[in-house]
C-alpha atoms as a PDB file:
ATOM      1  CA  MET A   1      78.312-124.789 -67.708  1.00  0.00           C
ATOM      2  CA  ASP A   2      76.557-128.064 -68.332  1.00  0.00           C
ATOM      3  CA  SER A   3      73.417-129.200 -66.526  1.00  0.00           C
ATOM      4  CA  ALA A   4      75.242-131.865 -64.463  1.00  0.00           C
ATOM      5  CA  LEU A   5      77.630-129.285 -63.000  1.00  0.00           C
ATOM      6  CA  LEU A   6      74.780-126.875 -62.364  1.00  0.00           C
ATOM      7  CA  ALA A   7      72.819-129.593 -60.548  1.00  0.00           C
ATOM      8  CA  GLN A   8      75.881-130.427 -58.444  1.00  0.00           C
ATOM      9  CA  LEU A   9      76.433-126.782 -57.527  1.00  0.00           C
ATOM     10  CA  ASN A  10      72.778-126.327 -56.585  1.00  0.00           C
ATOM     11  CA  GLY A  11      72.541-129.664 -54.778  1.00  0.00           C
ATOM     12  CA  GLY A  12      73.628-128.359 -51.406  1.00  0.00           C
ATOM     13  CA  CYS A  13      76.047-129.925 -49.012  1.00  0.00           C
ATOM     14  CA  VAL A  14      77.079-133.512 -49.598  1.00  0.00           C
ATOM     15  CA  CYS A  15      78.442-134.766 -46.307  1.00  0.00           C
ATOM     16  CA  PRO A  16      81.099-137.465 -46.642  1.00  0.00           C
ATOM     17  CA  PRO A  17      80.345-140.683 -44.755  1.00  0.00           C
ATOM     18  CA  ASP A  18      83.417-140.286 -42.527  1.00  0.00           C
ATOM     19  CA  ALA A  19      82.589-136.686 -41.527  1.00  0.00           C
ATOM     20  CA  GLY A  20      82.811-135.782 -37.874  1.00  0.00           C
ATOM     21  CA  PRO A  21      80.024-134.194 -35.838  1.00  0.00           C
ATOM     22  CA  ALA A  22      81.104-130.602 -36.475  1.00  0.00           C
ATOM     23  CA  TRP A  23      81.260-131.230 -40.228  1.00  0.00           C
ATOM     24  CA  ARG A  24      77.831-132.864 -40.184  1.00  0.00           C
ATOM     25  CA  ALA A  25      76.370-129.973 -38.166  1.00  0.00           C
ATOM     26  CA  ALA A  26      77.787-127.484 -40.675  1.00  0.00           C
ATOM     27  CA  CYS A  27      76.248-129.418 -43.564  1.00  0.00           C
ATOM     28  CA  GLU A  28      72.887-129.573 -41.793  1.00  0.00           C
ATOM     29  CA  GLN A  29      72.977-125.791 -41.342  1.00  0.00           C
ATOM     30  CA  GLY A  30      73.617-125.324 -45.061  1.00  0.00           C
ATOM     31  CA  VAL A  31      77.284-124.321 -44.855  1.00  0.00           C
ATOM     32  CA  ASP A  32      79.072-124.885 -48.172  1.00  0.00           C
ATOM     33  CA  VAL A  33      81.902-126.975 -46.763  1.00  0.00           C
ATOM     34  CA  SER A  34      83.284-127.495 -50.267  1.00  0.00           C
ATOM     35  CA  LEU A  35      84.785-124.004 -49.978  1.00  0.00           C
ATOM     36  CA  ILE A  36      86.475-124.986 -46.722  1.00  0.00           C
ATOM     37  CA  GLU A  37      87.709-128.242 -48.247  1.00  0.00           C
ATOM     38  CA  SER A  38      89.073-126.379 -51.247  1.00  0.00           C
ATOM     39  CA  SER A  39      90.941-123.962 -49.022  1.00  0.00           C
ATOM     40  CA  LEU A  40      92.353-126.697 -46.801  1.00  0.00           C
ATOM     41  CA  ALA A  41      93.620-128.561 -49.864  1.00  0.00           C
ATOM     42  CA  LYS A  42      95.931-125.628 -50.632  1.00  0.00           C
ATOM     43  CA  THR A  43      99.261-124.858 -49.057  1.00  0.00           C
ATOM     44  CA  PRO A  44      99.534-121.827 -46.793  1.00  0.00           C
ATOM     45  CA  TRP A  45     101.494-120.098 -49.565  1.00  0.00           C
ATOM     46  CA  GLU A  46      98.719-120.747 -52.109  1.00  0.00           C
ATOM     47  CA  ARG A  47      96.119-119.379 -49.691  1.00  0.00           C
ATOM     48  CA  TRP A  48      98.282-116.308 -49.040  1.00  0.00           C
ATOM     49  CA  VAL A  49      98.668-115.637 -52.786  1.00  0.00           C
ATOM     50  CA  GLU A  50      94.890-115.927 -53.299  1.00  0.00           C
ATOM     51  CA  HIS A  51      94.266-113.565 -50.397  1.00  0.00           C
ATOM     52  CA  ASP A  52      96.822-111.082 -51.728  1.00  0.00           C
ATOM     53  CA  GLU A  53      95.211-111.145 -55.181  1.00  0.00           C
ATOM     54  CA  ALA A  54      91.722-110.651 -53.707  1.00  0.00           C
ATOM     55  CA  LEU A  55      92.946-107.787 -51.536  1.00  0.00           C
ATOM     56  CA  GLY A  56      94.605-106.142 -54.544  1.00  0.00           C
ATOM     57  CA  PHE A  57      91.374-106.418 -56.511  1.00  0.00           C
ATOM     58  CA  ALA A  58      89.341-104.959 -53.634  1.00  0.00           C
ATOM     59  CA  LEU A  59      91.722-102.011 -53.345  1.00  0.00           C
ATOM     60  CA  GLU A  60      91.572-101.380 -57.099  1.00  0.00           C
ATOM     61  CA  LEU A  61      87.785-101.498 -56.966  1.00  0.00           C
ATOM     62  CA  ARG A  62      87.698 -99.052 -54.060  1.00  0.00           C
ATOM     63  CA  ALA A  63      90.002 -96.661 -55.909  1.00  0.00           C
ATOM     64  CA  ALA A  64      87.827 -96.862 -59.045  1.00  0.00           C
ATOM     65  CA  VAL A  65      84.691 -96.079 -57.030  1.00  0.00           C
ATOM     66  CA  GLU A  66      86.421 -93.118 -55.378  1.00  0.00           C
ATOM     67  CA  ARG A  67      87.547 -91.791 -58.774  1.00  0.00           C
ATOM     68  CA  GLN A  68      84.000 -92.160 -60.072  1.00  0.00           C
ATOM     69  CA  HIS A  69      82.642 -90.161 -57.118  1.00  0.00           C
ATOM     70  CA  GLU A  70      85.255 -87.439 -57.639  1.00  0.00           C
ATOM     71  CA  GLN A  71      84.200 -87.063 -61.280  1.00  0.00           C
ATOM     72  CA  ALA A  72      80.499 -86.816 -60.428  1.00  0.00           C
END
C-alpha cells in the first residue's frame, strides 16, 4: 500500500458536491459512505454472491472455533 492510498483511506469522508442532505449528514457524522457507494454500484446478484461468500466464511469460522473448544 503506497502512502497516497493510505492518506486517502485515512482522510475521512469526501462528500461529493452534488450530495443531498442525508448524504451530507452521514459524512458529517463520520459514516464511510464509500462502502455504501461501492455496494450500490453492484448488481443485486453481485451483492448476493458477496453476502453468500461472507456467510459461508462466518459459518466455517464458527465451526472451527467449536472444534477448537471440543479439543480443549
